[in-house]
Amino acid sequence: MMAEFAGKVAFITGAAHGQGRATALALAGEGARIAAFDVARPMGYPGYTMGSPDELASLAAGCRELGSDCLTFAGDVRDDAAVTRAVDETVARFGRIDILFNNAGICAYGLAHELTEDAWDAMLDINLKGAWLVARRVIPVMIGQRSGVIINNSSVAGLRGMGRLSHYAASKWGLTGLTKSWAIELAPFGIRVNSLHPTGVNTPMNDGLAALEGLTPREIAERSAGNLLPVPWIEPEDVAHAVLYLASDRARFVTGAPLILDAGLLSR
């Protein structure tokens, strides 16, 4: 049986660990070639551990073990030159980009009136502007192909308000709006655009937030989420499964839509 994504190319940001890594490996396991982009260095804000060069290297090795090819790029989604180089090298190597998973993002707590301007700017620049910078380099490639799928990783905070997360919610609501606007603009070219809205996910970011707040990862997840189902979080692989669905022909008529992975949170 042919792998579902044989011949396809996926460009994934925030790919070194967590949801990006799980998605890269899931797509590679189904035959896709991977372009993995990650900042892969420490950052001053929000202060927890980011992906690393070693994680990018091990991701590439994992993709090869699955029979797939993987390019890795260490770069910041806020750096248009780095994004442009990565997209250009991906197209030069693989000839196309079929799937963009805009996954890179940060999260941090803070009351709106106590946030610094630098904190606000970092959140919006990485989570929202970064997604736009990557998409505006990938979209012309997809237009030339007359096909493609863009998946923006938003959050339940992109569909509801959350205390002490106003800058995060603003960035994720922005992604929701971008998704719907891009879906309108790109439909004539056969390009679909959708957003994902997970509840808390069991990732290194969740661990980092917990450490900054002096809580356990489970406590931070339970405080932030309030899921109906008796789980504190979902797993990165749950997000990966949703990406595979949205990127597949099974979702060929799904565009401009939010896919909610909230364990019932939004039903409260």
C-alpha atoms as a PDB file:
ATOM      1  CA  MET A   1       0.000   0.000   0.000  1.00  0.00           C
ATOM      2  CA  MET A   2       1.353   3.423  -0.933  1.00  0.00           C
ATOM      3  CA  ALA A   3       2.085   5.792   1.955  1.00  0.00           C
ATOM      4  CA  GLU A   4      -0.573   8.491   2.192  1.00  0.00           C
ATOM      5  CA  PHE A   5       1.808  11.405   1.679  1.00  0.00           C
ATOM      6  CA  ALA A   6       4.295   9.833  -0.729  1.00  0.00           C
ATOM      7  CA  GLY A   7       5.786  12.553  -2.925  1.00  0.00           C
ATOM      8  CA  LYS A   8       4.543  15.363  -0.663  1.00  0.00           C
ATOM      9  CA  VAL A   9       6.736  17.933   1.081  1.00  0.00           C
ATOM     10  CA  ALA A  10       5.916  19.411   4.493  1.00  0.00           C
ATOM     11  CA  PHE A  11       7.453  22.592   5.916  1.00  0.00           C
ATOM     12  CA  ILE A  12       7.094  22.621   9.704  1.00  0.00           C
ATOM     13  CA  THR A  13       8.069  25.404  12.091  1.00  0.00           C
ATOM     14  CA  GLY A  14       8.862  24.780  15.730  1.00  0.00           C
ATOM     15  CA  ALA A  15       9.842  21.296  14.631  1.00  0.00           C
ATOM     16  CA  ALA A  16      12.593  20.334  17.071  1.00  0.00           C
ATOM     17  CA  HIS A  17      10.342  19.027  19.821  1.00  0.00           C
ATOM     18  CA  GLY A  18       6.762  18.820  21.028  1.00  0.00           C
ATOM     19  CA  GLN A  19       3.911  19.110  18.545  1.00  0.00           C
ATOM     20  CA  GLY A  20       6.145  20.023  15.610  1.00  0.00           C
ATOM     21  CA  ARG A  21       8.400  17.017  16.088  1.00  0.00           C
ATOM     22  CA  ALA A  22       5.495  14.585  16.508  1.00  0.00           C
ATOM     23  CA  THR A  23       3.909  15.937  13.342  1.00  0.00           C
ATOM     24  CA  ALA A  24       7.138  15.747  11.357  1.00  0.00           C
ATOM     25  CA  LEU A  25       7.637  12.105  12.315  1.00  0.00           C
ATOM     26  CA  ALA A  26       3.998  11.232  11.615  1.00  0.00           C
ATOM     27  CA  LEU A  27       4.170  12.787   8.140  1.00  0.00           C
ATOM     28  CA  ALA A  28       7.550  11.187   7.454  1.00  0.00           C
ATOM     29  CA  GLY A  29       6.084   7.840   8.426  1.00  0.00           C
ATOM     30  CA  GLU A  30       3.464   8.366   5.724  1.00  0.00           C
ATOM     31  CA  GLY A  31       6.030   9.160   3.045  1.00  0.00           C
ATOM     32  CA  ALA A  32       6.323  12.952   3.209  1.00  0.00           C
ATOM     33  CA  ARG A  33       9.667  14.681   2.911  1.00  0.00           C
ATOM     34  CA  ILE A  34      10.227  17.140   5.742  1.00  0.00           C
ATOM     35  CA  ALA A  35      11.680  20.638   6.036  1.00  0.00           C
ATOM     36  CA  ALA A  36      12.101  21.220   9.786  1.00  0.00           C
ATOM     37  CA  PHE A  37      12.563  24.827  10.927  1.00  0.00           C
ATOM     38  CA  ASP A  38      13.258  25.704  14.561  1.00  0.00           C
ATOM     39  CA  VAL A  39      14.924  28.510  16.499  1.00  0.00           C
ATOM     40  CA  ALA A  40      17.168  25.843  18.086  1.00  0.00           C
ATOM     41  CA  ARG A  41      18.746  28.190  20.629  1.00  0.00           C
ATOM     42  CA  PRO A  42      17.966  29.744  24.015  1.00  0.00           C
ATOM     43  CA  MET A  43      15.734  32.819  24.094  1.00  0.00           C
ATOM     44  CA  GLY A  44      15.489  35.461  26.782  1.00  0.00           C
ATOM     45  CA  TYR A  45      11.689  35.472  26.771  1.00  0.00           C
ATOM     46  CA  PRO A  46       9.713  33.560  27.904  1.00  0.00           C
ATOM     47  CA  GLY A  47      12.637  31.913  29.688  1.00  0.00           C
ATOM     48  CA  TYR A  48      12.063  28.188  29.293  1.00  0.00           C
ATOM     49  CA  THR A  49      14.071  25.772  27.121  1.00  0.00           C
ATOM     50  CA  MET A  50      13.594  26.002  23.384  1.00  0.00           C
ATOM     51  CA  GLY A  51      14.458  23.354  20.812  1.00  0.00           C
ATOM     52  CA  SER A  52      18.118  22.551  20.242  1.00  0.00           C
ATOM     53  CA  PRO A  53      20.428  21.683  17.322  1.00  0.00           C
ATOM     54  CA  ASP A  54      20.738  18.169  18.760  1.00  0.00           C
ATOM     55  CA  GLU A  55      16.965  17.747  18.667  1.00  0.00           C
ATOM     56  CA  LEU A  56      16.874  18.896  15.046  1.00  0.00           C
ATOM     57  CA  ALA A  57      19.628  16.424  14.185  1.00  0.00           C
ATOM     58  CA  SER A  58      17.842  13.570  15.940  1.00  0.00           C
ATOM     59  CA  LEU A  59      14.601  14.481  14.158  1.00  0.00           C
ATOM     60  CA  ALA A  60      16.359  14.233  10.809  1.00  0.00           C
ATOM     61  CA  ALA A  61      17.769  10.855  11.825  1.00  0.00           C
ATOM     62  CA  GLY A  62      14.310   9.700  12.901  1.00  0.00           C
ATOM     63  CA  CYS A  63      12.847  10.721   9.551  1.00  0.00           C
ATOM     64  CA  ARG A  64      15.579   8.820   7.717  1.00  0.00           C
ATOM     65  CA  GLU A  65      14.841   5.723   9.797  1.00  0.00           C
ATOM     66  CA  LEU A  66      11.257   5.995   8.548  1.00  0.00           C
ATOM     67  CA  GLY A  67      12.504   6.093   4.958  1.00  0.00           C
ATOM     68  CA  SER A  68      11.996   9.831   4.504  1.00  0.00           C
ATOM     69  CA  ASP A  69      14.314  12.729   3.732  1.00  0.00           C
ATOM     70  CA  CYS A  70      14.559  15.680   6.103  1.00  0.00           C
ATOM     71  CA  LEU A  71      16.148  19.103   5.780  1.00  0.00           C
ATOM     72  CA  THR A  72      16.739  21.039   8.997  1.00  0.00           C
ATOM     73  CA  PHE A  73      17.033  24.790   9.460  1.00  0.00           C
ATOM     74  CA  ALA A  74      17.998  26.673  12.605  1.00  0.00           C
ATOM     75  CA  GLY A  75      16.273  30.028  12.392  1.00  0.00           C
ATOM     76  CA  ASP A  76      13.814  32.426  13.981  1.00  0.00           C
ATOM     77  CA  VAL A  77      10.384  32.837  12.379  1.00  0.00           C
ATOM     78  CA  ARG A  78      10.779  36.584  13.006  1.00  0.00           C
ATOM     79  CA  ASP A  79      13.808  36.634  10.699  1.00  0.00           C
ATOM     80  CA  ASP A  80      12.512  37.017   7.148  1.00  0.00           C
ATOM     81  CA  ALA A  81      15.943  36.362   5.633  1.00  0.00           C
ATOM     82  CA  ALA A  82      16.254  33.052   7.491  1.00  0.00           C
ATOM     83  CA  VAL A  83      12.722  32.051   6.514  1.00  0.00           C
ATOM     84  CA  THR A  84      13.353  32.942   2.868  1.00  0.00           C
ATOM     85  CA  ARG A  85      16.573  30.918   2.757  1.00  0.00           C
ATOM     86  CA  ALA A  86      14.848  27.899   4.275  1.00  0.00           C
ATOM     87  CA  VAL A  87      11.910  28.026   1.857  1.00  0.00           C
ATOM     88  CA  ASP A  88      14.214  28.544  -1.128  1.00  0.00           C
ATOM     89  CA  GLU A  89      16.465  25.648  -0.098  1.00  0.00           C
ATOM     90  CA  THR A  90      13.465  23.400   0.449  1.00  0.00           C
ATOM     91  CA  VAL A  91      12.132  24.104  -3.038  1.00  0.00           C
ATOM     92  CA  ALA A  92      15.608  23.719  -4.559  1.00  0.00           C
ATOM     93  CA  ARG A  93      16.011  20.322  -2.876  1.00  0.00           C
ATOM     94  CA  PHE A  94      12.485  18.900  -3.072  1.00  0.00           C
ATOM     95  CA  GLY A  95      10.898  20.911  -5.878  1.00  0.00           C
ATOM     96  CA  ARG A  96       7.701  21.863  -4.035  1.00  0.00           C
ATOM     97  CA  ILE A  97       5.965  22.495  -0.698  1.00  0.00           C
ATOM     98  CA  ASP A  98       2.603  20.812  -0.213  1.00  0.00           C
ATOM     99  CA  ILE A  99       1.980  21.295   3.504  1.00  0.00           C
ATOM    100  CA  LEU A 100       2.826  24.195   5.795  1.00  0.00           C
ATOM    101  CA  PHE A 101       2.355  23.602   9.511  1.00  0.00           C
ATOM    102  CA  ASN A 102       2.730  26.987  11.214  1.00  0.00           C
ATOM    103  CA  ASN A 103       3.492  25.574  14.636  1.00  0.00           C
ATOM    104  CA  ALA A 104       6.242  27.761  16.124  1.00  0.00           C
ATOM    105  CA  GLY A 105       5.029  29.621  19.169  1.00  0.00           C
ATOM    106  CA  ILE A 106       5.611  30.610  22.771  1.00  0.00           C
ATOM    107  CA  CYS A 107       3.417  31.038  25.825  1.00  0.00           C
ATOM    108  CA  ALA A 108       3.842  32.903  29.106  1.00  0.00           C
ATOM    109  CA  TYR A 109       1.670  34.189  31.921  1.00  0.00           C
ATOM    110  CA  GLY A 110       1.195  37.774  32.995  1.00  0.00           C
ATOM    111  CA  LEU A 111      -1.559  40.231  33.863  1.00  0.00           C
ATOM    112  CA  ALA A 112      -2.269  42.553  30.958  1.00  0.00           C
ATOM    113  CA  HIS A 113      -1.369  45.730  32.856  1.00  0.00           C
ATOM    114  CA  GLU A 114       1.866  44.211  34.142  1.00  0.00           C
ATOM    115  CA  LEU A 115       3.218  42.921  30.825  1.00  0.00           C
ATOM    116  CA  THR A 116       6.256  44.682  29.449  1.00  0.00           C
ATOM    117  CA  GLU A 117       6.200  45.985  25.924  1.00  0.00           C
ATOM    118  CA  ASP A 118       8.995  43.562  25.071  1.00  0.00           C
ATOM    119  CA  ALA A 119       6.910  40.631  26.324  1.00  0.00           C
ATOM    120  CA  TRP A 120       3.906  41.754  24.300  1.00  0.00           C
ATOM    121  CA  ASP A 121       5.996  42.235  21.163  1.00  0.00           C
ATOM    122  CA  ALA A 122       7.754  38.878  21.487  1.00  0.00           C
ATOM    123  CA  MET A 123       4.451  37.017  21.853  1.00  0.00           C
ATOM    124  CA  LEU A 124       2.790  38.703  18.884  1.00  0.00           C
ATOM    125  CA  ASP A 125       5.913  38.669  16.701  1.00  0.00           C
ATOM    126  CA  ILE A 126       6.609  34.954  17.163  1.00  0.00           C
ATOM    127  CA  ASN A 127       3.095  33.545  17.296  1.00  0.00           C
ATOM    128  CA  LEU A 128       1.364  35.783  14.768  1.00  0.00           C
ATOM    129  CA  LYS A 129       3.782  37.785  12.655  1.00  0.00           C
ATOM    130  CA  GLY A 130       6.084  34.762  12.377  1.00  0.00           C
ATOM    131  CA  ALA A 131       3.278  32.667  10.926  1.00  0.00           C
ATOM    132  CA  TRP A 132       2.606  35.395   8.359  1.00  0.00           C
ATOM    133  CA  LEU A 133       6.297  35.750   7.460  1.00  0.00           C
ATOM    134  CA  VAL A 134       6.581  32.019   6.786  1.00  0.00           C
ATOM    135  CA  ALA A 135       3.291  31.814   4.913  1.00  0.00           C
ATOM    136  CA  ARG A 136       4.068  34.741   2.621  1.00  0.00           C
ATOM    137  CA  ARG A 137       7.184  32.879   1.403  1.00  0.00           C
ATOM    138  CA  VAL A 138       5.422  29.528   1.048  1.00  0.00           C
ATOM    139  CA  ILE A 139       2.185  30.768  -0.531  1.00  0.00           C
ATOM    140  CA  PRO A 140       3.762  31.764  -3.888  1.00  0.00           C
ATOM    141  CA  VAL A 141       5.193  28.235  -4.148  1.00  0.00           C
ATOM    142  CA  MET A 142       1.755  26.752  -3.552  1.00  0.00           C
ATOM    143  CA  ILE A 143       0.112  29.169  -5.991  1.00  0.00           C
ATOM    144  CA  GLY A 144       2.573  28.047  -8.636  1.00  0.00           C
ATOM    145  CA  GLN A 145       1.565  24.450  -7.971  1.00  0.00           C
ATOM    146  CA  ARG A 146      -2.149  25.320  -7.804  1.00  0.00           C
ATOM    147  CA  SER A 147      -2.318  23.233  -4.644  1.00  0.00           C
ATOM    148  CA  GLY A 148      -1.331  23.170  -1.007  1.00  0.00           C
ATOM    149  CA  VAL A 149      -2.497  23.025   2.584  1.00  0.00           C
ATOM    150  CA  ILE A 150      -1.701  25.510   5.346  1.00  0.00           C
ATOM    151  CA  ILE A 151      -2.431  24.573   8.952  1.00  0.00           C
ATOM    152  CA  ASN A 152      -2.049  27.241  11.625  1.00  0.00           C
ATOM    153  CA  ASN A 153      -1.583  25.946  15.152  1.00  0.00           C
ATOM    154  CA  SER A 154      -3.783  28.204  17.246  1.00  0.00           C
ATOM    155  CA  SER A 155      -5.203  27.174  20.634  1.00  0.00           C
ATOM    156  CA  VAL A 156      -8.383  27.047  22.649  1.00  0.00           C
ATOM    157  CA  ALA A 157      -7.169  30.530  23.597  1.00  0.00           C
ATOM    158  CA  GLY A 158      -7.799  31.453  19.969  1.00  0.00           C
ATOM    159  CA  LEU A 159     -11.533  30.859  20.540  1.00  0.00           C
ATOM    160  CA  ARG A 160     -12.040  32.134  24.109  1.00  0.00           C
ATOM    161  CA  GLY A 161     -10.464  34.496  26.593  1.00  0.00           C
ATOM    162  CA  MET A 162      -8.033  33.303  29.251  1.00  0.00           C
ATOM    163  CA  GLY A 163      -6.871  35.200  32.321  1.00  0.00           C
ATOM    164  CA  ARG A 164      -3.168  36.042  32.598  1.00  0.00           C
ATOM    165  CA  LEU A 165      -2.798  35.071  28.952  1.00  0.00           C
ATOM    166  CA  SER A 166      -4.099  38.150  27.142  1.00  0.00           C
ATOM    167  CA  HIS A 167      -1.059  38.542  24.880  1.00  0.00           C
ATOM    168  CA  TYR A 168      -1.091  34.823  24.099  1.00  0.00           C
ATOM    169  CA  ALA A 169      -4.839  34.877  23.404  1.00  0.00           C
ATOM    170  CA  ALA A 170      -4.438  37.946  21.194  1.00  0.00           C
ATOM    171  CA  SER A 171      -1.824  36.146  19.108  1.00  0.00           C
ATOM    172  CA  LYS A 172      -3.926  32.996  18.807  1.00  0.00           C
ATOM    173  CA  TRP A 173      -7.129  34.881  17.937  1.00  0.00           C
ATOM    174  CA  GLY A 174      -5.024  36.605  15.297  1.00  0.00           C
ATOM    175  CA  LEU A 175      -4.080  33.222  13.842  1.00  0.00           C
ATOM    176  CA  THR A 176      -7.755  32.305  13.717  1.00  0.00           C
ATOM    177  CA  GLY A 177      -8.479  35.458  11.730  1.00  0.00           C
ATOM    178  CA  LEU A 178      -5.533  34.889   9.409  1.00  0.00           C
ATOM    179  CA  THR A 179      -6.772  31.379   8.738  1.00  0.00           C
ATOM    180  CA  LYS A 180     -10.206  32.507   7.619  1.00  0.00           C
ATOM    181  CA  SER A 181      -8.836  35.389   5.543  1.00  0.00           C
ATOM    182  CA  TRP A 182      -6.201  33.248   3.817  1.00  0.00           C
ATOM    183  CA  ALA A 183      -8.812  30.588   3.083  1.00  0.00           C
ATOM    184  CA  ILE A 184     -10.801  33.195   1.143  1.00  0.00           C
ATOM    185  CA  GLU A 185      -7.766  34.540  -0.705  1.00  0.00           C
ATOM    186  CA  LEU A 186      -6.245  31.175  -1.616  1.00  0.00           C
ATOM    187  CA  ALA A 187      -9.263  29.026  -2.488  1.00  0.00           C
ATOM    188  CA  PRO A 188      -9.098  30.046  -6.175  1.00  0.00           C
ATOM    189  CA  PHE A 189      -5.644  28.439  -6.331  1.00  0.00           C
ATOM    190  CA  GLY A 190      -6.714  25.133  -4.788  1.00  0.00           C
ATOM    191  CA  ILE A 191      -5.034  25.951  -1.467  1.00  0.00           C
ATOM    192  CA  ARG A 192      -6.829  25.058   1.752  1.00  0.00           C
ATOM    193  CA  VAL A 193      -6.185  26.831   5.076  1.00  0.00           C
ATOM    194  CA  ASN A 194      -7.368  25.634   8.486  1.00  0.00           C
ATOM    195  CA  SER A 195      -6.551  26.162  12.145  1.00  0.00           C
ATOM    196  CA  LEU A 196      -5.997  23.790  15.056  1.00  0.00           C
ATOM    197  CA  HIS A 197      -7.225  24.601  18.561  1.00  0.00           C
ATOM    198  CA  PRO A 198      -5.771  22.210  21.141  1.00  0.00           C
ATOM    199  CA  THR A 199      -6.210  22.334  24.879  1.00  0.00           C
ATOM    200  CA  GLY A 200      -3.008  21.975  26.916  1.00  0.00           C
ATOM    201  CA  VAL A 201      -0.492  19.616  25.325  1.00  0.00           C
ATOM    202  CA  ASN A 202       2.110  17.487  27.095  1.00  0.00           C
ATOM    203  CA  THR A 203       5.204  19.178  25.659  1.00  0.00           C
ATOM    204  CA  PRO A 204       8.468  20.752  26.864  1.00  0.00           C
ATOM    205  CA  MET A 205       6.698  24.132  26.692  1.00  0.00           C
ATOM    206  CA  ASN A 206       4.169  22.915  29.264  1.00  0.00           C
ATOM    207  CA  ASP A 207       7.038  21.747  31.463  1.00  0.00           C
ATOM    208  CA  GLY A 208       8.793  25.090  31.063  1.00  0.00           C
ATOM    209  CA  LEU A 209       5.690  27.081  31.975  1.00  0.00           C
ATOM    210  CA  ALA A 210       5.237  24.925  35.059  1.00  0.00           C
ATOM    211  CA  ALA A 211       8.804  25.564  36.201  1.00  0.00           C
ATOM    212  CA  LEU A 212       8.399  29.321  35.736  1.00  0.00           C
ATOM    213  CA  GLU A 213       5.178  29.259  37.799  1.00  0.00           C
ATOM    214  CA  GLY A 214       6.573  26.973  40.515  1.00  0.00           C
ATOM    215  CA  LEU A 215       4.037  24.252  39.722  1.00  0.00           C
ATOM    216  CA  THR A 216       4.166  20.702  38.431  1.00  0.00           C
ATOM    217  CA  PRO A 217       3.393  20.171  34.734  1.00  0.00           C
ATOM    218  CA  ARG A 218       0.093  18.527  35.699  1.00  0.00           C
ATOM    219  CA  GLU A 219      -0.866  21.485  37.890  1.00  0.00           C
ATOM    220  CA  ILE A 220      -0.099  23.996  35.147  1.00  0.00           C
ATOM    221  CA  ALA A 221      -2.122  21.985  32.643  1.00  0.00           C
ATOM    222  CA  GLU A 222      -5.093  21.615  34.954  1.00  0.00           C
ATOM    223  CA  ARG A 223      -5.062  25.296  35.896  1.00  0.00           C
ATOM    224  CA  SER A 224      -4.963  26.387  32.277  1.00  0.00           C
ATOM    225  CA  ALA A 225      -7.337  23.850  30.789  1.00  0.00           C
ATOM    226  CA  GLY A 226     -10.380  22.688  32.757  1.00  0.00           C
ATOM    227  CA  ASN A 227     -11.077  19.837  30.329  1.00  0.00           C
ATOM    228  CA  LEU A 228     -14.362  17.948  30.519  1.00  0.00           C
ATOM    229  CA  LEU A 229     -12.680  14.641  29.821  1.00  0.00           C
ATOM    230  CA  PRO A 230     -10.635  13.365  32.783  1.00  0.00           C
ATOM    231  CA  VAL A 231      -7.243  14.221  31.334  1.00  0.00           C
ATOM    232  CA  PRO A 232      -4.954  17.140  32.205  1.00  0.00           C
ATOM    233  CA  TRP A 233      -3.632  17.393  28.662  1.00  0.00           C
ATOM    234  CA  ILE A 234      -3.517  15.778  25.270  1.00  0.00           C
ATOM    235  CA  GLU A 235      -0.367  14.368  23.658  1.00  0.00           C
ATOM    236  CA  PRO A 236       1.681  15.803  20.772  1.00  0.00           C
ATOM    237  CA  GLU A 237       0.668  12.784  18.718  1.00  0.00           C
ATOM    238  CA  ASP A 238      -2.992  13.821  19.026  1.00  0.00           C
ATOM    239  CA  VAL A 239      -2.104  17.097  17.332  1.00  0.00           C
ATOM    240  CA  ALA A 240      -0.097  15.222  14.709  1.00  0.00           C
ATOM    241  CA  HIS A 241      -3.109  13.037  13.879  1.00  0.00           C
ATOM    242  CA  ALA A 242      -5.221  16.159  13.359  1.00  0.00           C
ATOM    243  CA  VAL A 243      -2.605  17.687  11.058  1.00  0.00           C
ATOM    244  CA  LEU A 244      -2.480  14.496   8.998  1.00  0.00           C
ATOM    245  CA  TYR A 245      -6.250  14.587   8.594  1.00  0.00           C
ATOM    246  CA  LEU A 246      -6.350  18.243   7.534  1.00  0.00           C
ATOM    247  CA  ALA A 247      -3.438  17.731   5.134  1.00  0.00           C
ATOM    248  CA  SER A 248      -5.002  14.672   3.539  1.00  0.00           C
ATOM    249  CA  ASP A 249      -7.461  14.236   0.690  1.00  0.00           C
ATOM    250  CA  ARG A 250     -10.009  13.119   3.285  1.00  0.00           C
ATOM    251  CA  ALA A 251     -10.302  16.810   4.182  1.00  0.00           C
ATOM    252  CA  ARG A 252     -10.272  18.054   0.590  1.00  0.00           C
ATOM    253  CA  PHE A 253     -13.365  20.189   1.116  1.00  0.00           C
ATOM    254  CA  VAL A 254     -12.365  21.515   4.547  1.00  0.00           C
ATOM    255  CA  THR A 255     -11.052  25.079   4.479  1.00  0.00           C
ATOM    256  CA  GLY A 256     -11.360  28.165   6.646  1.00  0.00           C
ATOM    257  CA  ALA A 257     -12.328  25.901   9.542  1.00  0.00           C
ATOM    258  CA  PRO A 258     -11.213  25.466  13.155  1.00  0.00           C
ATOM    259  CA  LEU A 259     -10.451  21.890  14.205  1.00  0.00           C
ATOM    260  CA  ILE A 260     -10.937  21.739  17.973  1.00  0.00           C
ATOM    261  CA  LEU A 261      -8.936  19.288  20.118  1.00  0.00           C
ATOM    262  CA  ASP A 262     -10.047  20.538  23.500  1.00  0.00           C
ATOM    263  CA  ALA A 263     -11.081  17.434  25.498  1.00  0.00           C
ATOM    264  CA  GLY A 264     -14.398  19.237  26.000  1.00  0.00           C
ATOM    265  CA  LEU A 265     -12.993  22.485  27.448  1.00  0.00           C
ATOM    266  CA  LEU A 266     -15.008  24.819  25.232  1.00  0.00           C
ATOM    267  CA  SER A 267     -18.260  23.108  26.233  1.00  0.00           C
ATOM    268  CA  ARG A 268     -18.033  24.535  29.737  1.00  0.00           C
END
